[in-house]
Protein backbone atom coordinates (compact mmCIF):
# COMPACT_ATOMS: atom_id res chain seq x y z
CA MET A 1 103.10 103.67 94.36
CA ALA A 2 106.85 102.46 94.16
CA ALA A 3 108.67 103.49 90.77
CA ASN A 4 108.45 99.61 89.96
CA PRO A 5 106.49 97.13 90.36
CA ARG A 6 108.75 94.70 90.58
CA ASP A 7 109.99 96.80 94.13
CA VAL A 8 107.28 95.54 95.40
CA LEU A 9 106.92 92.00 94.53
CA ILE A 10 110.63 90.61 96.15
CA ARG A 11 109.90 87.02 96.48
CA PRO A 12 107.02 83.99 96.19
CA LEU A 13 106.73 82.49 98.65
CA ILE A 14 106.76 78.14 97.54
CA THR A 15 105.75 75.42 100.48
CA GLU A 16 102.90 72.21 100.60
CA LYS A 17 100.11 74.95 101.93
CA THR A 18 100.27 77.83 99.41
CA ALA A 19 100.75 75.02 97.06
CA ALA A 20 97.20 74.03 98.49
CA MET A 21 96.10 77.72 97.96
CA MET A 22 97.26 77.80 94.00
CA GLN A 23 93.98 75.57 93.47
CA ASP A 24 92.26 77.96 94.48
CA ASN A 25 93.87 80.85 93.00
CA ARG A 26 95.57 82.16 95.82
CA TYR A 27 99.60 83.10 95.32
CA SER A 28 101.82 84.01 97.98
CA PHE A 29 104.31 86.75 97.52
CA GLU A 30 107.38 88.38 99.93
CA VAL A 31 106.35 91.86 100.05
CA PRO A 32 108.18 94.96 101.74
CA LEU A 33 106.91 95.89 105.35
CA THR A 34 106.42 99.43 104.10
CA ALA A 35 104.09 97.69 100.68
CA ASN A 36 100.44 98.72 100.73
CA LYS A 37 97.61 96.39 99.64
CA VAL A 38 97.06 99.08 96.74
CA GLU A 39 100.22 98.87 95.81
CA ILE A 40 100.37 95.16 96.17
CA ARG A 41 97.66 94.86 93.42
CA GLN A 42 99.07 96.62 91.13
CA ALA A 43 101.68 95.31 91.01
CA VAL A 44 100.42 91.47 90.64
CA GLU A 45 98.59 93.00 88.14
CA ALA A 46 100.97 94.56 85.98
CA ILE A 47 103.80 92.10 86.11
CA PHE A 48 101.43 89.34 85.86
CA ASN A 49 99.05 90.40 84.19
CA VAL A 50 96.00 88.87 86.20
CA LYS A 51 92.84 90.15 87.77
CA VAL A 52 93.02 90.26 91.76
CA LEU A 53 89.97 89.91 93.53
CA SER A 54 91.66 90.48 96.78
CA VAL A 55 94.98 91.02 98.92
CA ASN A 56 95.54 90.21 102.40
CA THR A 57 98.77 90.99 104.08
CA ILE A 58 100.43 89.20 107.68
CA ARG A 59 103.43 90.74 109.25
CA VAL A 60 105.44 88.03 109.69
CA MET A 61 108.43 88.53 113.13
CA GLY A 62 111.52 87.17 112.43
CA LYS A 63 112.32 84.24 115.11
CA MET A 64 114.88 83.56 117.17
CA LYS A 65 118.43 81.48 116.44
CA ARG A 66 121.17 80.34 117.68
CA MET A 67 124.79 79.36 116.39
CA GLY A 68 126.49 77.52 119.30
CA LYS A 69 126.43 80.52 122.07
CA HIS A 70 125.56 83.01 119.97
CA GLN A 71 122.21 84.51 119.74
CA GLY A 72 120.29 86.45 116.83
CA ARG A 73 117.41 86.97 114.47
CA ARG A 74 116.14 86.18 111.62
CA SER A 75 114.20 89.32 110.08
CA ASP A 76 110.59 90.04 109.84
CA TYR A 77 108.83 90.80 106.36
CA LYS A 78 105.62 91.12 105.05
CA LYS A 79 103.68 88.51 103.79
CA ALA A 80 101.05 89.00 100.77
CA ILE A 81 98.52 86.43 99.63
CA VAL A 82 96.58 87.28 96.79
CA LYS A 83 93.18 86.00 95.60
CA LEU A 84 92.55 86.41 91.29
CA ALA A 85 89.02 86.58 89.35
CA PRO A 86 88.29 82.49 89.08
CA GLY A 87 89.58 81.06 85.60
CA GLN A 88 93.10 83.61 85.78
CA THR A 89 96.19 81.76 86.90
CA ILE A 90 99.70 82.80 86.69
CA GLU A 91 101.44 80.12 85.01
CA ILE A 92 105.66 81.43 86.27
CA LEU A 93 103.90 79.65 89.55
CA GLU A 94 102.13 76.47 88.92
CA GLY A 95 104.49 74.61 88.01
CA MET A 96 106.98 74.65 91.12
């Protein structure tokens, strides 16, 4: 595991779809490409003091973007969807 659990969770992903998933105790985070499911589980449990039931990960490829005649690419990232035990929530993310 990384030295600091806060290095594993880069930021929470808040969209309309993830807000709907929060009703089912499922939360989404952006994580480093090198993070695995065990590290993600340990980081969420350490930072938020909750019990994690499962972790699903998705590798999201960056999109091609254009700015006039110049073409570039957004960075790739990994998304982690964490399911918590019934009755547990992450209060900080509930109000967003």
